[in-house]
């Protein structure tokens, strides 16, 4: 069964090296996290799976990597300087700050009663800094609150260099920064996070069709990577929820231990962004269709997902506890593409003649798959450790391997074992890992 308590995942992540509190030796830095040896691998795998689906397996999408810092003109044109804010209230009793729209009767979320809150005021969520060698003398710049604007301001560049034509997409994966009033729920809401976004530019008349297409395609991505259908839903935004640029938005939501929460938004941004940047920059950001002799500003469909939220959802959905050989075990039933390690090589002994063969097996397999090598503790404990971090296959090299040139391959979910000859080991793993 998936994890029912967030602490199950938080504890596992700390214990096994997925996620650490940032600057922990200095008491931590609130709602900031560092990704450890396993977490950094899994985070990369989530991003790679997204790029594979959105770029590699398509012929109508290209990938870019735009700058994190940007001048005020970009965010003035996008509307972020004027509109990117949350309603903030201060409690004069407990001295805490809260988002007004997340308070019930303005009671303190920590169940303290008697809070007396100030009137709400707009709180801009953007981080501002200065570019220049002397503090106060440089230009005022902002850290991007989303990756989207880099794709809009590069629309003409990509159109010219990629020779694409609508419908086509510009995709990007990267860091974004929002000065959240109430960060929390582990890695679900933090001030520094990663996004996987695509701006899909379409003829205006086709926007409704493509909006429905991307809602379905993005839901399928999570299902294909192992999240049960019962833990996902698509929720259409009410009119009062829509962003200033959106003609319609639907969220793909996951059933977290605290309730439904957004994994990804799919928005109909119309032609707002391109027209805004064209007006402010005085540059043409449109498309001329030679087939129809028509010039138009494309509409945009934007699927925008959070890497960190997706990782949290995959971990929660994959978490399971069962009993094997009368012993309880914790197992992460992660899709092989998401697992930090796809394979672990476990020599039965540290003796030189066995260790040498095991390390050769490790070198061969590691050329194709991320592979762990572990020769400490009893083999049963090593199996349990690999189960807990989600490794799909373990290869045991034993003394018989020296004679029969074969190894034992153990599958994580069923714990079944199969003897496989070394000359067909790579093909065996490739077939089961989907390479």
Protein backbone atom coordinates (compact mmCIF):
# COMPACT_ATOMS: atom_id res chain seq x y z
CA UNK A 1 0.00 0.00 0.00
CA UNK A 2 1.23 3.56 -0.70
CA UNK A 3 2.47 5.59 2.25
CA UNK A 4 -0.36 6.95 4.38
CA UNK A 5 1.87 9.13 6.54
CA UNK A 6 4.30 11.74 5.24
CA UNK A 7 6.73 10.86 8.04
CA UNK A 8 7.23 7.40 6.51
CA UNK A 9 8.78 9.02 3.46
CA UNK A 10 10.56 11.82 5.34
CA UNK A 11 12.29 9.30 7.61
CA UNK A 12 13.21 6.98 4.75
CA UNK A 13 14.61 9.90 2.72
CA UNK A 14 16.85 11.03 5.58
CA UNK A 15 17.92 7.52 6.59
CA UNK A 16 18.82 6.33 3.10
CA UNK A 17 20.23 9.51 1.60
CA UNK A 18 17.44 10.80 -0.61
CA UNK A 19 16.85 14.19 1.01
CA UNK A 20 18.58 16.08 3.85
CA UNK A 21 17.52 19.31 5.59
CA UNK A 22 19.67 22.06 4.09
CA UNK A 23 22.48 23.44 6.31
CA UNK A 24 21.49 20.93 9.00
CA UNK A 25 24.74 21.30 10.98
CA UNK A 26 23.81 24.98 11.45
CA UNK A 27 20.29 24.23 12.60
CA UNK A 28 18.79 24.03 9.14
CA UNK A 29 17.33 26.60 6.77
CA UNK A 30 13.55 26.52 6.82
CA UNK A 31 11.90 24.62 3.97
CA UNK A 32 15.17 24.14 2.09
CA UNK A 33 16.49 20.71 1.26
CA UNK A 34 19.60 19.11 -0.17
CA UNK A 35 19.31 16.00 -2.31
CA UNK A 36 21.71 13.25 -1.25
CA UNK A 37 23.36 10.47 -3.27
CA UNK A 38 20.09 8.66 -3.95
CA UNK A 39 17.84 11.71 -4.13
CA UNK A 40 20.00 13.47 -6.69
CA UNK A 41 19.91 10.36 -8.90
CA UNK A 42 16.14 10.03 -8.60
CA UNK A 43 15.59 13.74 -9.22
CA UNK A 44 17.66 13.45 -12.39
CA UNK A 45 15.66 10.38 -13.43
CA UNK A 46 12.36 12.24 -13.04
CA UNK A 47 13.69 15.03 -15.27
CA UNK A 48 15.10 12.56 -17.79
CA UNK A 49 11.76 10.73 -17.96
CA UNK A 50 10.01 14.05 -18.66
CA UNK A 51 12.50 15.05 -21.37
CA UNK A 52 12.20 11.58 -22.90
CA UNK A 53 8.42 11.92 -23.11
CA UNK A 54 8.19 15.60 -24.07
CA UNK A 55 11.22 15.98 -26.37
CA UNK A 56 13.04 12.77 -27.26
CA UNK A 57 9.97 10.79 -28.35
CA UNK A 58 8.45 13.71 -30.29
CA UNK A 59 9.44 15.54 -33.46
CA UNK A 60 7.61 18.78 -32.68
CA UNK A 61 9.40 19.92 -29.50
CA UNK A 62 12.85 21.35 -28.78
CA UNK A 63 14.71 21.87 -25.50
CA UNK A 64 16.34 25.07 -24.25
CA UNK A 65 18.05 26.21 -21.05
CA UNK A 66 17.44 29.90 -20.34
CA UNK A 67 19.01 32.15 -17.70
CA UNK A 68 17.76 32.18 -14.12
CA UNK A 69 18.36 35.91 -13.59
CA UNK A 70 16.33 38.40 -15.61
CA UNK A 71 15.88 42.16 -15.96
CA UNK A 72 12.74 43.87 -14.63
CA UNK A 73 11.47 44.49 -18.17
CA UNK A 74 10.84 40.78 -18.70
CA UNK A 75 8.71 40.45 -15.57
CA UNK A 76 6.97 43.76 -16.13
CA UNK A 77 5.87 42.51 -19.54
CA UNK A 78 4.81 39.12 -18.15
CA UNK A 79 2.72 40.73 -15.42
CA UNK A 80 4.67 39.25 -12.54
CA UNK A 81 5.69 42.58 -11.03
CA UNK A 82 2.08 43.69 -10.86
CA UNK A 83 0.16 40.47 -10.35
CA UNK A 84 2.42 37.77 -8.86
CA UNK A 85 1.39 38.10 -5.24
CA UNK A 86 -0.42 36.32 -2.42
CA UNK A 87 -2.73 37.87 0.19
CA UNK A 88 -0.63 38.14 3.39
CA UNK A 89 -1.93 38.62 6.94
CA UNK A 90 0.05 39.09 10.16
CA UNK A 91 -1.14 37.79 13.53
CA UNK A 92 -0.47 40.31 16.28
CA UNK A 93 -0.76 37.53 18.92
CA UNK A 94 1.45 34.67 17.70
CA UNK A 95 3.54 36.95 15.42
CA UNK A 96 3.19 34.57 12.47
CA UNK A 97 2.42 35.36 8.85
CA UNK A 98 -0.14 33.45 6.83
CA UNK A 99 -1.77 33.39 3.42
CA UNK A 100 -5.25 34.74 3.94
CA UNK A 101 -6.78 32.30 1.47
CA UNK A 102 -5.50 29.32 3.50
CA UNK A 103 -6.91 30.28 6.88
CA UNK A 104 -10.19 29.02 8.27
CA UNK A 105 -11.72 31.81 10.33
CA UNK A 106 -8.19 33.12 10.70
CA UNK A 107 -7.28 30.52 13.29
CA UNK A 108 -3.59 29.68 13.58
CA UNK A 109 -2.78 26.51 11.56
CA UNK A 110 -1.03 25.10 14.66
CA UNK A 111 -4.43 24.95 16.41
CA UNK A 112 -3.70 27.99 18.56
CA UNK A 113 -6.85 30.00 19.08
CA UNK A 114 -7.34 33.69 19.62
CA UNK A 115 -5.31 34.90 16.66
CA UNK A 116 -5.92 38.51 15.69
CA UNK A 117 -4.90 39.11 12.11
CA UNK A 118 -4.21 42.35 10.29
CA UNK A 119 -5.95 43.29 7.08
CA UNK A 120 -4.65 41.42 4.05
CA UNK A 121 -2.01 43.02 1.87
CA UNK A 122 -0.43 41.92 -1.36
CA UNK A 123 2.94 40.20 -0.99
CA UNK A 124 4.97 39.83 -4.18
CA UNK A 125 6.56 36.40 -4.37
CA UNK A 126 9.58 37.30 -6.50
CA UNK A 127 13.15 37.35 -5.22
CA UNK A 128 14.99 40.55 -6.10
CA UNK A 129 18.75 41.06 -6.17
CA UNK A 130 21.36 43.28 -7.81
CA UNK A 131 23.82 42.57 -10.60
CA UNK A 132 27.06 44.48 -10.29
CA UNK A 133 30.36 44.52 -8.38
CA UNK A 134 29.28 47.02 -5.70
CA UNK A 135 26.14 46.55 -3.61
CA UNK A 136 23.53 49.16 -4.46
CA UNK A 137 25.30 50.31 -7.64
CA UNK A 138 24.29 47.49 -9.98
CA UNK A 139 21.18 46.87 -11.98
CA UNK A 140 18.10 45.54 -10.21
CA UNK A 141 17.36 42.00 -11.38
CA UNK A 142 14.99 39.20 -10.41
CA UNK A 143 15.35 35.46 -9.95
CA UNK A 144 12.79 33.85 -12.20
CA UNK A 145 9.58 32.63 -10.51
CA UNK A 146 8.94 30.22 -13.39
CA UNK A 147 10.89 28.92 -16.38
CA UNK A 148 8.21 30.01 -18.86
CA UNK A 149 9.41 33.52 -19.68
CA UNK A 150 12.75 32.28 -21.04
CA UNK A 151 10.81 30.31 -23.63
CA UNK A 152 8.64 33.24 -24.64
CA UNK A 153 11.50 35.71 -25.04
CA UNK A 154 13.37 33.13 -27.15
CA UNK A 155 10.37 32.35 -29.36
CA UNK A 156 11.78 34.13 -32.42
CA UNK A 157 15.26 32.65 -31.92
CA UNK A 158 13.93 29.11 -31.69
CA UNK A 159 11.55 29.61 -34.60
CA UNK A 160 14.42 30.71 -36.82
CA UNK A 161 17.07 28.20 -35.75
CA UNK A 162 14.93 25.07 -35.34
CA UNK A 163 12.78 25.63 -38.45
CA UNK A 164 9.72 24.45 -36.53
CA UNK A 165 6.23 25.73 -37.24
CA UNK A 166 3.05 25.69 -35.15
CA UNK A 167 2.03 23.45 -33.60
CA UNK A 168 5.41 23.05 -31.89
CA UNK A 169 6.80 23.19 -28.37
CA UNK A 170 9.69 24.72 -26.49
CA UNK A 171 10.55 22.74 -23.37
CA UNK A 172 12.75 23.57 -20.40
CA UNK A 173 13.79 22.06 -17.09
CA UNK A 174 15.33 24.30 -14.45
CA UNK A 175 15.32 26.07 -11.10
CA UNK A 176 12.71 28.65 -10.13
CA UNK A 177 12.35 30.75 -7.00
CA UNK A 178 9.29 31.99 -5.13
CA UNK A 179 9.27 33.72 -1.77
CA UNK A 180 6.44 31.56 -0.46
CA UNK A 181 4.66 32.85 2.64
CA UNK A 182 3.88 29.37 3.95
CA UNK A 183 6.30 26.76 2.58
CA UNK A 184 5.88 23.27 3.98
CA UNK A 185 4.89 19.62 3.60
CA UNK A 186 8.47 18.47 3.07
CA UNK A 187 9.59 19.05 -0.56
CA UNK A 188 6.05 19.84 -1.77
CA UNK A 189 6.28 23.60 -1.31
CA UNK A 190 9.70 25.24 -1.06
CA UNK A 191 11.14 28.60 -2.05
CA UNK A 192 13.72 27.03 -4.36
CA UNK A 193 12.44 24.31 -6.65
CA UNK A 194 12.72 22.82 -10.12
CA UNK A 195 10.15 22.94 -12.89
CA UNK A 196 9.53 20.97 -16.06
CA UNK A 197 7.61 23.28 -18.39
CA UNK A 198 6.70 23.37 -22.03
CA UNK A 199 5.16 26.16 -24.08
CA UNK A 200 3.28 24.57 -26.97
CA UNK A 201 2.57 27.14 -29.68
CA UNK A 202 -0.53 26.46 -31.80
CA UNK A 203 -2.77 28.20 -34.34
CA UNK A 204 -5.45 30.05 -32.30
CA UNK A 205 -8.29 27.95 -33.72
CA UNK A 206 -6.60 24.75 -32.47
CA UNK A 207 -6.00 25.80 -28.87
CA UNK A 208 -9.02 23.98 -27.36
CA UNK A 209 -8.08 20.72 -29.10
CA UNK A 210 -4.47 20.89 -27.91
CA UNK A 211 -5.49 21.84 -24.38
CA UNK A 212 -7.50 18.62 -24.08
CA UNK A 213 -4.68 16.65 -25.69
CA UNK A 214 -2.10 17.84 -23.18
CA UNK A 215 -4.36 17.28 -20.16
CA UNK A 216 -4.74 13.65 -21.22
CA UNK A 217 -1.09 13.17 -22.21
CA UNK A 218 0.28 14.57 -18.98
CA UNK A 219 -2.05 12.47 -16.82
CA UNK A 220 -0.94 9.38 -18.76
CA UNK A 221 2.73 10.18 -18.02
CA UNK A 222 2.19 9.79 -14.27
CA UNK A 223 0.12 6.64 -14.75
CA UNK A 224 2.74 5.07 -17.03
CA UNK A 225 5.40 5.70 -14.39
CA UNK A 226 3.52 3.79 -11.74
CA UNK A 227 1.16 6.10 -9.84
CA UNK A 228 -2.20 4.35 -9.29
CA UNK A 229 -5.18 5.89 -11.04
CA UNK A 230 -6.96 6.21 -7.68
CA UNK A 231 -4.30 8.66 -6.50
CA UNK A 232 -4.62 11.04 -9.47
CA UNK A 233 -7.30 13.36 -10.74
CA UNK A 234 -7.70 16.25 -13.17
CA UNK A 235 -9.40 19.30 -11.65
CA UNK A 236 -10.61 22.23 -13.72
CA UNK A 237 -9.98 25.68 -12.21
CA UNK A 238 -12.93 27.83 -11.28
CA UNK A 239 -13.07 31.30 -12.84
CA UNK A 240 -11.82 33.00 -9.66
CA UNK A 241 -8.73 30.73 -9.57
CA UNK A 242 -7.45 31.55 -13.04
CA UNK A 243 -4.18 33.40 -13.49
CA UNK A 244 -4.29 36.74 -15.23
CA UNK A 245 -3.07 35.19 -18.50
CA UNK A 246 -5.22 32.04 -18.50
CA UNK A 247 -8.37 31.36 -20.48
CA UNK A 248 -8.64 27.98 -18.78
CA UNK A 249 -6.49 25.78 -16.55
CA UNK A 250 -6.71 22.24 -15.23
CA UNK A 251 -4.52 20.78 -12.51
CA UNK A 252 -3.29 17.22 -12.34
CA UNK A 253 -3.55 16.49 -8.62
CA UNK A 254 -2.14 13.73 -6.42
CA UNK A 255 -3.69 12.38 -3.24
CA UNK A 256 -1.02 13.33 -0.70
CA UNK A 257 -1.35 12.25 2.96
CA UNK A 258 -2.75 15.73 3.74
CA UNK A 259 -5.20 15.71 0.81
CA UNK A 260 -5.27 16.53 -2.89
CA UNK A 261 -2.38 18.70 -4.05
CA UNK A 262 -1.23 20.03 -7.42
CA UNK A 263 1.43 18.11 -9.34
CA UNK A 264 1.08 19.94 -12.60
CA UNK A 265 -0.98 22.67 -14.22
CA UNK A 266 -2.04 22.68 -17.87
CA UNK A 267 -2.97 26.21 -18.89
CA UNK A 268 -4.39 27.92 -21.96
CA UNK A 269 -2.24 31.06 -21.93
CA UNK A 270 -3.78 32.36 -25.21
CA UNK A 271 -1.48 34.86 -26.99
CA UNK A 272 -1.00 36.96 -23.86
CA UNK A 273 2.72 36.37 -23.33
CA UNK A 274 3.93 36.78 -26.89
CA UNK A 275 1.86 39.95 -27.35
CA UNK A 276 3.08 41.40 -24.06
CA UNK A 277 6.74 40.78 -24.86
CA UNK A 278 6.28 42.05 -28.42
CA UNK A 279 4.74 45.27 -27.10
CA UNK A 280 7.39 45.87 -24.43
CA UNK A 281 10.41 44.85 -26.53
CA UNK A 282 9.18 46.38 -29.81
CA UNK A 283 10.09 43.11 -31.55
CA UNK A 284 7.86 40.93 -33.72
CA UNK A 285 6.84 37.71 -32.04
CA UNK A 286 4.46 36.17 -34.52
CA UNK A 287 4.37 33.51 -37.22
CA UNK A 288 3.77 33.77 -40.95
CA UNK A 289 2.11 30.71 -42.45
CA UNK A 290 3.17 30.56 -46.10
CA UNK A 291 0.62 27.86 -46.89
CA UNK A 292 -2.32 30.09 -45.95
CA UNK A 293 -0.59 33.46 -46.46
CA UNK A 294 -1.63 34.32 -42.89
CA UNK A 295 0.30 36.05 -40.13
CA UNK A 296 -0.78 35.41 -36.55
CA UNK A 297 0.39 35.33 -32.95
CA UNK A 298 0.23 31.71 -31.79
CA UNK A 299 -1.79 30.66 -28.77
CA UNK A 300 0.06 28.74 -26.09
CA UNK A 301 -0.79 25.60 -24.13
CA UNK A 302 1.49 25.21 -21.11
CA UNK A 303 1.96 21.95 -19.19
CA UNK A 304 4.00 22.98 -16.11
CA UNK A 305 5.11 20.36 -13.60
CA UNK A 306 7.14 20.48 -10.40
CA UNK A 307 10.12 18.12 -10.34
CA UNK A 308 10.27 17.99 -6.54
CA UNK A 309 6.53 17.47 -6.16
CA UNK A 310 6.60 14.72 -8.75
CA UNK A 311 9.45 13.01 -6.90
CA UNK A 312 7.49 13.20 -3.64
CA UNK A 313 4.42 11.71 -5.33
CA UNK A 314 6.40 8.88 -6.92
CA UNK A 315 7.96 8.04 -3.54
CA UNK A 316 4.63 8.10 -1.70
CA UNK A 317 2.92 5.96 -4.33
CA UNK A 318 5.79 3.45 -4.48
CA UNK A 319 6.17 2.97 -0.72
CA UNK A 320 5.06 -0.42 0.54
CA UNK A 321 5.53 -2.75 3.49
CA UNK A 322 5.18 -6.51 3.21
CA UNK A 323 6.51 -9.77 4.68
CA UNK A 324 9.16 -11.94 3.00
CA UNK A 325 10.30 -15.19 4.61
CA UNK A 326 8.49 -14.24 7.83
CA UNK A 327 10.35 -10.92 7.98
CA UNK A 328 8.80 -7.54 7.39
CA UNK A 329 10.41 -5.34 4.78
CA UNK A 330 9.99 -1.84 3.40
CA UNK A 331 10.10 -1.65 -0.37
CA UNK A 332 9.90 1.19 -2.88
CA UNK A 333 8.14 -0.21 -5.95
CA UNK A 334 9.50 2.54 -8.19
CA UNK A 335 9.33 2.36 -11.96
CA UNK A 336 12.81 1.28 -13.17
CA UNK A 337 13.32 4.61 -14.97
CA UNK A 338 12.86 6.46 -11.69
CA UNK A 339 14.86 4.23 -9.34
CA UNK A 340 18.16 5.76 -8.18
CA UNK A 341 19.88 2.49 -9.06
CA UNK A 342 18.50 0.08 -11.63
CA UNK A 343 20.88 -2.72 -10.61
CA UNK A 344 22.95 -3.69 -7.58
CA UNK A 345 25.90 -6.09 -7.74
CA UNK A 346 26.34 -8.07 -4.52
CA UNK A 347 29.29 -10.45 -4.20
CA UNK A 348 28.59 -13.21 -1.70
CA UNK A 349 32.07 -12.82 -0.21
CA UNK A 350 34.85 -10.24 -0.05
CA UNK A 351 37.44 -12.86 -1.04
CA UNK A 352 39.64 -11.64 -3.86
CA UNK A 353 38.72 -14.29 -6.41
CA UNK A 354 35.00 -13.47 -6.01
CA UNK A 355 35.36 -9.73 -5.56
CA UNK A 356 37.35 -9.46 -8.80
CA UNK A 357 34.63 -11.14 -10.85
CA UNK A 358 31.92 -9.07 -9.12
CA UNK A 359 33.70 -5.82 -9.92
CA UNK A 360 34.01 -6.85 -13.56
CA UNK A 361 30.27 -7.55 -13.63
CA UNK A 362 29.71 -4.13 -12.08
CA UNK A 363 31.85 -2.41 -14.71
CA UNK A 364 30.02 -4.16 -17.55
CA UNK A 365 26.53 -3.42 -16.23
CA UNK A 366 27.36 0.16 -15.19
CA UNK A 367 28.07 1.08 -18.80
CA UNK A 368 24.35 0.61 -19.48
CA UNK A 369 22.58 1.18 -16.16
CA UNK A 370 23.16 3.09 -12.91
CA UNK A 371 24.58 0.36 -10.70
CA UNK A 372 25.41 0.04 -7.00
CA UNK A 373 28.15 -2.21 -5.62
CA UNK A 374 27.72 -3.49 -2.07
CA UNK A 375 29.81 -6.18 -0.39
CA UNK A 376 29.11 -5.39 3.28
CA UNK A 377 26.81 -7.29 5.68
CA UNK A 378 24.88 -10.51 5.11
CA UNK A 379 23.25 -10.97 1.71
CA UNK A 380 19.75 -10.83 3.21
CA UNK A 381 20.41 -7.42 4.72
CA UNK A 382 21.81 -6.18 1.46
CA UNK A 383 18.66 -7.33 -0.35
CA UNK A 384 16.53 -5.44 2.18
CA UNK A 385 18.56 -2.29 1.72
CA UNK A 386 18.17 -2.42 -2.06
CA UNK A 387 14.44 -3.11 -1.69
CA UNK A 388 14.08 -0.04 0.52
CA UNK A 389 15.79 2.27 -1.96
CA UNK A 390 13.84 0.87 -4.91
CA UNK A 391 16.51 -1.06 -6.86
CA UNK A 392 14.63 -3.31 -9.33
CA UNK A 393 17.31 -6.00 -9.75
CA UNK A 394 20.09 -7.42 -7.60
CA UNK A 395 22.88 -9.55 -9.07
CA UNK A 396 24.50 -11.99 -6.66
CA UNK A 397 27.95 -13.23 -7.61
CA UNK A 398 28.72 -16.47 -5.72
CA UNK A 399 31.44 -19.10 -5.79
CA UNK A 400 29.51 -21.13 -8.35
CA UNK A 401 29.87 -18.13 -10.66
CA UNK A 402 33.58 -18.87 -10.94
CA UNK A 403 32.75 -22.27 -12.45
CA UNK A 404 29.46 -21.87 -14.37
CA UNK A 405 30.00 -18.25 -15.49
CA UNK A 406 26.52 -17.33 -14.30
CA UNK A 407 24.98 -15.12 -11.61
CA UNK A 408 21.74 -15.03 -9.66
CA UNK A 409 19.40 -12.17 -10.57
CA UNK A 410 16.78 -11.26 -7.95
CA UNK A 411 13.70 -9.19 -8.80
CA UNK A 412 12.65 -6.58 -6.24
CA UNK A 413 8.85 -6.80 -6.25
CA UNK A 414 8.39 -10.58 -6.32
CA UNK A 415 11.80 -11.52 -4.79
CA UNK A 416 12.01 -14.31 -7.39
CA UNK A 417 15.51 -15.38 -8.42
CA UNK A 418 16.85 -16.64 -11.73
CA UNK A 419 20.23 -17.97 -12.77
CA UNK A 420 21.52 -16.02 -15.77
CA UNK A 421 24.72 -16.67 -17.71
CA UNK A 422 27.17 -13.78 -17.91
CA UNK A 423 27.12 -13.76 -21.71
CA UNK A 424 23.41 -12.91 -21.78
CA UNK A 425 23.21 -10.81 -18.60
CA UNK A 426 23.21 -7.39 -20.31
CA UNK A 427 20.47 -8.40 -22.75
CA UNK A 428 18.44 -9.87 -19.89
CA UNK A 429 18.61 -6.60 -17.95
CA UNK A 430 18.03 -4.40 -21.00
CA UNK A 431 14.82 -6.28 -21.80
CA UNK A 432 13.43 -5.96 -18.27
CA UNK A 433 14.56 -2.38 -17.64
CA UNK A 434 13.13 -1.09 -20.89
CA UNK A 435 16.42 0.07 -22.42
